[in-house]
Every structure is written in C-alpha cells, then in structure tokens.
Amino acid sequence: MNHKHRKTLHAVFAHPVSGNIALREVESVFKELGAEMEERHNSRFAVTLNGHTVLFHHAKHDLPKQEVQQIRKFLEDCDVVPERDYPL
C-alpha cells in the first residue's frame, strides 16, 4: 500500500470525522485491501472484504461524515487497524 493510500486510510479513522475525503480515494484503498466491489442500482455499490459486505452510495463530491463513519465501522468489522497494519 503506497503512502497516499495509507494517508486516506488514516483519514477515515481520524477524530474528529473528516468531511474532506473523496470517494475515489476510498475506493482505491478498498482495492488495495483486496476488496471486491460491485456496481448496484440507484447509484450504489457493494464492497466485500474478509467476508463482510456493505452498500455505499456514489458521492459526487467528498463523502459525507455519516458515510465516513460507516466506512470506518465496516473496516473495523473487517479487522483493519491502520496503526497496526499500515503505519504512516
């Protein structure tokens, strides 16, 4: 995982929740983690990682804070810990 992906991953887990994360950057992180992504209807896409699946909405701009929290929860459920697995 390159430095940009690591920075994005750490931004997802940052406190307070960031409202300045682009969806395409998070999608790149998902791909680097080995997630499978599938397009769904109504501007949604499914992400499957480590046996967990979640649906996200395609944001046209930066992700809303609620979606960043949903991504953080999904990654925690998948046992992704940035400090342990992908330090800066």
N, C-alpha and C. Protein backbone atom coordinates (compact mmCIF):
# COMPACT_ATOMS: atom_id res chain seq x y z
N MET A 1 0.86 -1.17 0.00
CA MET A 1 0.00 0.00 0.00
C MET A 1 0.90 1.23 0.00
N ASN A 2 0.65 2.15 -0.94
CA ASN A 2 1.51 3.33 -1.01
C ASN A 2 1.12 4.37 0.03
N HIS A 3 1.92 5.43 0.11
CA HIS A 3 1.73 6.44 1.14
C HIS A 3 0.38 7.15 1.01
N LYS A 4 -0.06 7.42 -0.20
CA LYS A 4 -1.34 8.11 -0.40
C LYS A 4 -2.50 7.25 0.11
N HIS A 5 -2.44 5.95 -0.16
CA HIS A 5 -3.48 5.05 0.33
C HIS A 5 -3.48 5.01 1.86
N ARG A 6 -2.29 4.98 2.44
CA ARG A 6 -2.18 4.95 3.91
C ARG A 6 -2.76 6.23 4.51
N LYS A 7 -2.47 7.39 3.89
CA LYS A 7 -3.00 8.66 4.40
C LYS A 7 -4.52 8.67 4.34
N THR A 8 -5.08 8.15 3.25
CA THR A 8 -6.53 8.09 3.13
C THR A 8 -7.13 7.17 4.20
N LEU A 9 -6.52 6.02 4.40
CA LEU A 9 -6.99 5.08 5.41
C LEU A 9 -6.95 5.72 6.80
N HIS A 10 -5.88 6.40 7.11
CA HIS A 10 -5.77 7.07 8.42
C HIS A 10 -6.78 8.22 8.53
N ALA A 11 -7.08 8.90 7.42
CA ALA A 11 -8.08 9.97 7.45
C ALA A 11 -9.47 9.43 7.76
N VAL A 12 -9.78 8.22 7.29
CA VAL A 12 -11.07 7.60 7.59
C VAL A 12 -11.19 7.34 9.09
N PHE A 13 -10.09 7.00 9.73
CA PHE A 13 -10.11 6.68 11.16
C PHE A 13 -9.79 7.89 12.05
N ALA A 14 -9.60 9.06 11.47
CA ALA A 14 -9.22 10.26 12.24
C ALA A 14 -10.39 10.76 13.09
N HIS A 15 -10.03 11.39 14.21
CA HIS A 15 -11.01 12.04 15.09
C HIS A 15 -10.65 13.51 15.14
N PRO A 16 -11.55 14.44 14.92
CA PRO A 16 -12.94 14.25 14.56
C PRO A 16 -13.07 13.71 13.13
N VAL A 17 -14.27 13.27 12.79
CA VAL A 17 -14.53 12.68 11.49
C VAL A 17 -14.29 13.72 10.40
N SER A 18 -13.53 13.33 9.39
CA SER A 18 -13.21 14.22 8.29
C SER A 18 -14.35 14.28 7.28
N GLY A 19 -14.61 15.47 6.78
CA GLY A 19 -15.60 15.64 5.74
C GLY A 19 -14.94 15.99 4.42
N ASN A 20 -13.65 15.67 4.31
CA ASN A 20 -12.85 16.06 3.15
C ASN A 20 -12.16 14.85 2.53
N ILE A 21 -12.89 13.76 2.34
CA ILE A 21 -12.33 12.53 1.75
C ILE A 21 -13.12 12.22 0.49
N ALA A 22 -12.42 12.05 -0.61
CA ALA A 22 -13.07 11.73 -1.88
C ALA A 22 -13.37 10.24 -1.97
N LEU A 23 -14.51 9.90 -2.53
CA LEU A 23 -14.91 8.51 -2.67
C LEU A 23 -13.90 7.72 -3.51
N ARG A 24 -13.39 8.30 -4.57
CA ARG A 24 -12.45 7.58 -5.44
C ARG A 24 -11.19 7.18 -4.67
N GLU A 25 -10.77 8.00 -3.70
CA GLU A 25 -9.61 7.65 -2.87
C GLU A 25 -9.92 6.46 -1.98
N VAL A 26 -11.13 6.43 -1.42
CA VAL A 26 -11.53 5.31 -0.56
C VAL A 26 -11.68 4.04 -1.40
N GLU A 27 -12.21 4.17 -2.62
CA GLU A 27 -12.31 3.01 -3.50
C GLU A 27 -10.93 2.43 -3.79
N SER A 28 -9.93 3.29 -3.98
CA SER A 28 -8.56 2.81 -4.21
C SER A 28 -8.03 2.05 -3.01
N VAL A 29 -8.35 2.54 -1.81
CA VAL A 29 -7.92 1.85 -0.59
C VAL A 29 -8.60 0.48 -0.51
N PHE A 30 -9.90 0.43 -0.80
CA PHE A 30 -10.60 -0.85 -0.80
C PHE A 30 -9.92 -1.84 -1.74
N LYS A 31 -9.56 -1.39 -2.93
CA LYS A 31 -8.89 -2.27 -3.90
C LYS A 31 -7.55 -2.75 -3.37
N GLU A 32 -6.81 -1.86 -2.74
CA GLU A 32 -5.50 -2.23 -2.17
C GLU A 32 -5.65 -3.25 -1.05
N LEU A 33 -6.75 -3.18 -0.31
CA LEU A 33 -7.00 -4.13 0.77
C LEU A 33 -7.50 -5.47 0.25
N GLY A 34 -7.80 -5.55 -1.05
CA GLY A 34 -8.26 -6.80 -1.64
C GLY A 34 -9.76 -6.95 -1.67
N ALA A 35 -10.49 -5.86 -1.51
CA ALA A 35 -11.95 -5.92 -1.52
C ALA A 35 -12.48 -6.12 -2.92
N GLU A 36 -13.64 -6.78 -2.99
CA GLU A 36 -14.36 -6.92 -4.25
C GLU A 36 -15.45 -5.86 -4.27
N MET A 37 -15.54 -5.12 -5.38
CA MET A 37 -16.54 -4.07 -5.50
C MET A 37 -17.46 -4.38 -6.67
N GLU A 38 -18.76 -4.16 -6.45
CA GLU A 38 -19.76 -4.48 -7.46
C GLU A 38 -20.74 -3.32 -7.58
N GLU A 39 -20.98 -2.87 -8.80
CA GLU A 39 -21.96 -1.81 -9.04
C GLU A 39 -23.36 -2.35 -8.79
N ARG A 40 -24.19 -1.56 -8.16
CA ARG A 40 -25.59 -1.89 -7.93
C ARG A 40 -26.46 -0.79 -8.54
N HIS A 41 -27.75 -0.93 -8.44
CA HIS A 41 -28.65 0.08 -8.98
C HIS A 41 -28.79 1.27 -8.03
N ASN A 42 -29.38 2.36 -8.53
CA ASN A 42 -29.62 3.58 -7.75
C ASN A 42 -28.34 4.20 -7.20
N SER A 43 -27.29 4.24 -8.01
CA SER A 43 -26.01 4.88 -7.63
C SER A 43 -25.40 4.27 -6.39
N ARG A 44 -25.52 2.98 -6.24
CA ARG A 44 -24.93 2.29 -5.10
C ARG A 44 -23.91 1.28 -5.59
N PHE A 45 -22.99 0.91 -4.69
CA PHE A 45 -22.05 -0.16 -4.98
C PHE A 45 -21.80 -0.96 -3.72
N ALA A 46 -21.55 -2.25 -3.90
CA ALA A 46 -21.31 -3.16 -2.79
C ALA A 46 -19.82 -3.41 -2.66
N VAL A 47 -19.35 -3.45 -1.43
CA VAL A 47 -17.96 -3.76 -1.14
C VAL A 47 -17.93 -4.99 -0.25
N THR A 48 -17.14 -5.99 -0.64
CA THR A 48 -16.99 -7.20 0.15
C THR A 48 -15.52 -7.35 0.52
N LEU A 49 -15.27 -7.49 1.82
CA LEU A 49 -13.91 -7.63 2.33
C LEU A 49 -13.95 -8.55 3.54
N ASN A 50 -13.11 -9.57 3.54
CA ASN A 50 -13.00 -10.50 4.67
C ASN A 50 -14.35 -11.07 5.10
N GLY A 51 -15.20 -11.37 4.13
CA GLY A 51 -16.49 -11.97 4.44
C GLY A 51 -17.57 -11.00 4.85
N HIS A 52 -17.30 -9.71 4.88
CA HIS A 52 -18.28 -8.69 5.24
C HIS A 52 -18.64 -7.90 3.98
N THR A 53 -19.92 -7.60 3.83
CA THR A 53 -20.40 -6.83 2.67
C THR A 53 -21.21 -5.64 3.15
N VAL A 54 -21.02 -4.51 2.48
CA VAL A 54 -21.77 -3.30 2.82
C VAL A 54 -22.05 -2.55 1.52
N LEU A 55 -23.17 -1.80 1.52
CA LEU A 55 -23.55 -0.97 0.38
C LEU A 55 -23.21 0.48 0.66
N PHE A 56 -22.66 1.17 -0.33
CA PHE A 56 -22.36 2.59 -0.22
C PHE A 56 -23.01 3.32 -1.39
N HIS A 57 -23.25 4.59 -1.20
CA HIS A 57 -23.81 5.45 -2.24
C HIS A 57 -22.66 6.16 -2.95
N HIS A 58 -22.75 6.28 -4.28
CA HIS A 58 -21.74 7.01 -5.04
C HIS A 58 -21.90 8.50 -4.75
N ALA A 59 -20.94 9.08 -4.06
CA ALA A 59 -20.95 10.52 -3.79
C ALA A 59 -20.31 11.24 -4.96
N LYS A 60 -20.91 12.35 -5.36
CA LYS A 60 -20.36 13.11 -6.48
C LYS A 60 -19.16 13.93 -6.04
N HIS A 61 -19.10 14.29 -4.78
CA HIS A 61 -18.01 15.09 -4.26
C HIS A 61 -17.41 14.36 -3.06
N ASP A 62 -16.97 15.10 -2.07
CA ASP A 62 -16.42 14.48 -0.87
C ASP A 62 -17.51 13.70 -0.13
N LEU A 63 -17.08 12.69 0.60
CA LEU A 63 -18.01 11.85 1.35
C LEU A 63 -18.61 12.61 2.52
N PRO A 64 -19.90 12.42 2.77
CA PRO A 64 -20.50 13.00 3.98
C PRO A 64 -19.92 12.30 5.22
N LYS A 65 -19.95 13.00 6.33
CA LYS A 65 -19.36 12.46 7.56
C LYS A 65 -20.02 11.14 7.99
N GLN A 66 -21.34 11.02 7.77
CA GLN A 66 -22.01 9.77 8.14
C GLN A 66 -21.47 8.59 7.33
N GLU A 67 -21.16 8.83 6.07
CA GLU A 67 -20.65 7.74 5.24
C GLU A 67 -19.22 7.39 5.63
N VAL A 68 -18.44 8.39 6.03
CA VAL A 68 -17.09 8.12 6.52
C VAL A 68 -17.17 7.25 7.77
N GLN A 69 -18.11 7.55 8.66
CA GLN A 69 -18.30 6.72 9.85
C GLN A 69 -18.72 5.31 9.49
N GLN A 70 -19.57 5.16 8.46
CA GLN A 70 -19.99 3.84 8.01
C GLN A 70 -18.80 3.06 7.44
N ILE A 71 -17.94 3.75 6.70
CA ILE A 71 -16.75 3.10 6.15
C ILE A 71 -15.82 2.67 7.28
N ARG A 72 -15.64 3.54 8.27
CA ARG A 72 -14.80 3.20 9.43
C ARG A 72 -15.33 1.97 10.14
N LYS A 73 -16.63 1.92 10.38
CA LYS A 73 -17.25 0.77 11.06
C LYS A 73 -17.06 -0.50 10.24
N PHE A 74 -17.25 -0.40 8.92
CA PHE A 74 -17.06 -1.55 8.03
C PHE A 74 -15.62 -2.06 8.12
N LEU A 75 -14.65 -1.16 8.07
CA LEU A 75 -13.24 -1.57 8.13
C LEU A 75 -12.90 -2.17 9.50
N GLU A 76 -13.48 -1.62 10.57
CA GLU A 76 -13.26 -2.19 11.90
C GLU A 76 -13.82 -3.61 11.95
N ASP A 77 -15.01 -3.82 11.39
CA ASP A 77 -15.61 -5.15 11.36
C ASP A 77 -14.75 -6.13 10.56
N CYS A 78 -14.02 -5.61 9.57
CA CYS A 78 -13.14 -6.44 8.74
C CYS A 78 -11.75 -6.59 9.36
N ASP A 79 -11.58 -6.09 10.59
CA ASP A 79 -10.33 -6.19 11.34
C ASP A 79 -9.17 -5.46 10.66
N VAL A 80 -9.47 -4.28 10.12
CA VAL A 80 -8.44 -3.42 9.56
C VAL A 80 -8.11 -2.36 10.61
N VAL A 81 -6.86 -2.33 11.05
CA VAL A 81 -6.39 -1.37 12.04
C VAL A 81 -5.22 -0.61 11.42
N PRO A 82 -5.43 0.65 11.03
CA PRO A 82 -4.38 1.39 10.33
C PRO A 82 -3.07 1.51 11.11
N GLU A 83 -3.17 1.78 12.40
CA GLU A 83 -1.95 1.95 13.20
C GLU A 83 -1.13 0.67 13.26
N ARG A 84 -1.82 -0.45 13.32
CA ARG A 84 -1.14 -1.75 13.42
C ARG A 84 -0.70 -2.26 12.05
N ASP A 85 -1.60 -2.21 11.09
CA ASP A 85 -1.35 -2.84 9.79
C ASP A 85 -0.67 -1.94 8.77
N TYR A 86 -0.97 -0.63 8.82
CA TYR A 86 -0.48 0.29 7.79
C TYR A 86 -0.02 1.60 8.42
N PRO A 87 1.06 1.58 9.20
CA PRO A 87 1.52 2.82 9.83
C PRO A 87 2.01 3.82 8.78
N LEU A 88 1.91 5.10 9.12
CA LEU A 88 2.38 6.15 8.21
C LEU A 88 3.88 6.23 8.16
